[in-house]
Amino acid sequence: MADHRVNIQLPETELGRADTILKVKKDNKLLGTIHISHGAFEYRPSGWADKNRIKINWTDFHDLILSTNK
């Protein structure tokens, strides 16, 4: 069984110019990174070329999440 662990608690803070980056791991192996910025949510799978990243703006991300919850 895969070992997934997620722990984070931060005070509310507006993002600056630099992205906030979260590392996503399974069994201590990097699956990819999540980049959070003012303009978008971006997922970069490990080992993929930068041009293959998955990027979606916040409005489209919101609509996507709501459409998968039906």
N, C-alpha and C. Protein backbone atom coordinates (compact mmCIF):
# COMPACT_ATOMS: atom_id res chain seq x y z
N MET A 1 0.84 -1.18 0.00
CA MET A 1 0.00 0.00 0.00
C MET A 1 0.89 1.24 0.00
N ALA A 2 0.52 2.22 -0.79
CA ALA A 2 1.30 3.45 -0.90
C ALA A 2 1.25 4.26 0.39
N ASP A 3 2.33 4.93 0.66
CA ASP A 3 2.42 5.78 1.85
C ASP A 3 2.27 7.23 1.41
N HIS A 4 1.11 7.83 1.70
CA HIS A 4 0.86 9.23 1.39
C HIS A 4 0.78 10.00 2.70
N ARG A 5 1.49 11.10 2.77
CA ARG A 5 1.43 11.95 3.95
C ARG A 5 1.32 13.40 3.51
N VAL A 6 0.38 14.11 4.10
CA VAL A 6 0.19 15.53 3.79
C VAL A 6 0.00 16.27 5.10
N ASN A 7 0.89 17.19 5.39
CA ASN A 7 0.78 18.01 6.59
C ASN A 7 1.16 19.43 6.24
N ILE A 8 0.24 20.35 6.43
CA ILE A 8 0.57 21.76 6.23
C ILE A 8 -0.44 22.62 6.98
N GLN A 9 0.02 23.62 7.63
CA GLN A 9 -0.84 24.60 8.27
C GLN A 9 -0.08 25.92 8.25
N LEU A 10 -0.62 26.86 7.51
CA LEU A 10 0.03 28.15 7.36
C LEU A 10 -0.94 29.26 7.72
N PRO A 11 -0.43 30.36 8.22
CA PRO A 11 -1.32 31.50 8.43
C PRO A 11 -1.70 32.09 7.06
N GLU A 12 -2.86 32.71 6.99
CA GLU A 12 -3.30 33.32 5.74
C GLU A 12 -2.34 34.42 5.34
N THR A 13 -1.82 34.29 4.13
CA THR A 13 -0.84 35.24 3.61
C THR A 13 -1.05 35.37 2.10
N GLU A 14 -1.05 36.60 1.60
CA GLU A 14 -1.16 36.79 0.16
C GLU A 14 0.16 36.40 -0.49
N LEU A 15 0.07 35.70 -1.63
CA LEU A 15 1.28 35.30 -2.35
C LEU A 15 1.98 36.51 -2.92
N GLY A 16 3.29 36.46 -2.92
CA GLY A 16 4.08 37.51 -3.56
C GLY A 16 4.33 37.14 -5.01
N ARG A 17 5.43 37.57 -5.54
CA ARG A 17 5.76 37.30 -6.94
C ARG A 17 6.20 35.86 -7.17
N ALA A 18 6.81 35.23 -6.19
CA ALA A 18 7.30 33.86 -6.34
C ALA A 18 6.17 32.86 -6.12
N ASP A 19 6.18 31.77 -6.92
CA ASP A 19 5.21 30.70 -6.74
C ASP A 19 5.41 30.01 -5.40
N THR A 20 4.33 29.47 -4.87
CA THR A 20 4.42 28.54 -3.76
C THR A 20 4.47 27.16 -4.38
N ILE A 21 5.42 26.34 -3.98
CA ILE A 21 5.62 25.04 -4.61
C ILE A 21 5.42 23.93 -3.58
N LEU A 22 4.59 22.96 -3.93
CA LEU A 22 4.36 21.79 -3.10
C LEU A 22 4.90 20.57 -3.81
N LYS A 23 5.66 19.74 -3.11
CA LYS A 23 6.17 18.50 -3.68
C LYS A 23 5.20 17.37 -3.37
N VAL A 24 4.84 16.61 -4.40
CA VAL A 24 3.91 15.49 -4.24
C VAL A 24 4.72 14.20 -4.33
N LYS A 25 4.66 13.40 -3.25
CA LYS A 25 5.45 12.17 -3.21
C LYS A 25 4.57 10.97 -2.88
N LYS A 26 4.98 9.83 -3.38
CA LYS A 26 4.34 8.54 -3.07
C LYS A 26 5.46 7.59 -2.71
N ASP A 27 5.38 6.98 -1.54
CA ASP A 27 6.43 6.10 -1.05
C ASP A 27 7.80 6.78 -1.12
N ASN A 28 7.82 8.06 -0.76
CA ASN A 28 9.02 8.88 -0.71
C ASN A 28 9.65 9.14 -2.09
N LYS A 29 8.93 8.85 -3.18
CA LYS A 29 9.40 9.13 -4.53
C LYS A 29 8.60 10.30 -5.10
N LEU A 30 9.30 11.28 -5.68
CA LEU A 30 8.64 12.47 -6.21
C LEU A 30 7.77 12.12 -7.41
N LEU A 31 6.45 12.42 -7.29
CA LEU A 31 5.53 12.24 -8.40
C LEU A 31 5.48 13.49 -9.26
N GLY A 32 5.59 14.66 -8.63
CA GLY A 32 5.54 15.92 -9.35
C GLY A 32 5.49 17.07 -8.36
N THR A 33 5.30 18.27 -8.90
CA THR A 33 5.19 19.45 -8.07
C THR A 33 3.96 20.26 -8.46
N ILE A 34 3.35 20.89 -7.47
CA ILE A 34 2.22 21.79 -7.67
C ILE A 34 2.74 23.20 -7.44
N HIS A 35 2.50 24.06 -8.42
CA HIS A 35 2.91 25.46 -8.34
C HIS A 35 1.66 26.32 -8.22
N ILE A 36 1.59 27.10 -7.16
CA ILE A 36 0.44 27.97 -6.92
C ILE A 36 0.90 29.41 -7.05
N SER A 37 0.19 30.16 -7.90
CA SER A 37 0.56 31.57 -8.13
C SER A 37 -0.71 32.40 -8.18
N HIS A 38 -0.54 33.69 -8.37
CA HIS A 38 -1.68 34.60 -8.49
C HIS A 38 -2.57 34.20 -9.65
N GLY A 39 -1.97 33.77 -10.76
CA GLY A 39 -2.74 33.56 -11.98
C GLY A 39 -3.19 32.15 -12.26
N ALA A 40 -2.56 31.16 -11.63
CA ALA A 40 -2.87 29.79 -12.04
C ALA A 40 -2.45 28.74 -11.02
N PHE A 41 -3.00 27.55 -11.24
CA PHE A 41 -2.63 26.32 -10.55
C PHE A 41 -1.89 25.50 -11.60
N GLU A 42 -0.72 24.98 -11.27
CA GLU A 42 0.07 24.25 -12.26
C GLU A 42 0.60 22.97 -11.64
N TYR A 43 0.52 21.88 -12.39
CA TYR A 43 1.08 20.60 -11.95
C TYR A 43 2.17 20.19 -12.93
N ARG A 44 3.33 19.88 -12.40
CA ARG A 44 4.46 19.44 -13.22
C ARG A 44 4.84 18.02 -12.80
N PRO A 45 4.41 17.01 -13.57
CA PRO A 45 4.79 15.64 -13.24
C PRO A 45 6.31 15.47 -13.29
N SER A 46 6.84 14.66 -12.41
CA SER A 46 8.27 14.41 -12.36
C SER A 46 8.74 13.78 -13.66
N GLY A 47 9.86 14.28 -14.18
CA GLY A 47 10.45 13.70 -15.38
C GLY A 47 9.87 14.23 -16.69
N TRP A 48 8.83 15.04 -16.64
CA TRP A 48 8.25 15.61 -17.86
C TRP A 48 9.00 16.86 -18.25
N ALA A 49 9.04 17.14 -19.53
CA ALA A 49 9.61 18.40 -20.00
C ALA A 49 8.73 19.55 -19.53
N ASP A 50 9.32 20.70 -19.31
CA ASP A 50 8.58 21.87 -18.82
C ASP A 50 7.40 22.22 -19.73
N LYS A 51 7.53 21.99 -21.03
CA LYS A 51 6.45 22.32 -21.96
C LYS A 51 5.22 21.43 -21.75
N ASN A 52 5.38 20.30 -21.06
CA ASN A 52 4.27 19.37 -20.84
C ASN A 52 3.55 19.59 -19.52
N ARG A 53 3.86 20.68 -18.85
CA ARG A 53 3.19 20.95 -17.57
C ARG A 53 1.69 21.13 -17.79
N ILE A 54 0.94 20.92 -16.74
CA ILE A 54 -0.51 21.08 -16.78
C ILE A 54 -0.84 22.35 -16.02
N LYS A 55 -1.32 23.35 -16.75
CA LYS A 55 -1.56 24.66 -16.14
C LYS A 55 -2.99 25.08 -16.41
N ILE A 56 -3.66 25.60 -15.36
CA ILE A 56 -5.05 26.01 -15.50
C ILE A 56 -5.27 27.27 -14.65
N ASN A 57 -5.96 28.25 -15.21
CA ASN A 57 -6.20 29.47 -14.43
C ASN A 57 -7.25 29.18 -13.36
N TRP A 58 -7.37 30.08 -12.40
CA TRP A 58 -8.22 29.82 -11.23
C TRP A 58 -9.70 29.68 -11.57
N THR A 59 -10.20 30.45 -12.52
CA THR A 59 -11.60 30.33 -12.90
C THR A 59 -11.88 28.98 -13.54
N ASP A 60 -11.00 28.56 -14.45
CA ASP A 60 -11.17 27.25 -15.09
C ASP A 60 -10.98 26.11 -14.08
N PHE A 61 -10.05 26.29 -13.13
CA PHE A 61 -9.84 25.28 -12.08
C PHE A 61 -11.11 25.13 -11.25
N HIS A 62 -11.69 26.25 -10.87
CA HIS A 62 -12.94 26.24 -10.10
C HIS A 62 -14.03 25.47 -10.85
N ASP A 63 -14.21 25.80 -12.13
CA ASP A 63 -15.24 25.14 -12.95
C ASP A 63 -14.96 23.64 -13.09
N LEU A 64 -13.68 23.28 -13.25
CA LEU A 64 -13.31 21.87 -13.37
C LEU A 64 -13.65 21.09 -12.11
N ILE A 65 -13.31 21.65 -10.95
CA ILE A 65 -13.58 20.97 -9.69
C ILE A 65 -15.08 20.81 -9.47
N LEU A 66 -15.85 21.84 -9.78
CA LEU A 66 -17.30 21.74 -9.60
C LEU A 66 -17.91 20.73 -10.57
N SER A 67 -17.39 20.64 -11.79
CA SER A 67 -17.95 19.70 -12.78
C SER A 67 -17.63 18.25 -12.42
N THR A 68 -16.54 18.00 -11.70
CA THR A 68 -16.19 16.61 -11.32
C THR A 68 -16.92 16.18 -10.06
N ASN A 69 -17.61 17.10 -9.42
CA ASN A 69 -18.32 16.80 -8.18
C ASN A 69 -19.79 16.56 -8.41
N LYS A 70 -20.21 16.37 -9.65
CA LYS A 70 -21.64 16.16 -9.96
C LYS A 70 -21.99 14.70 -9.97
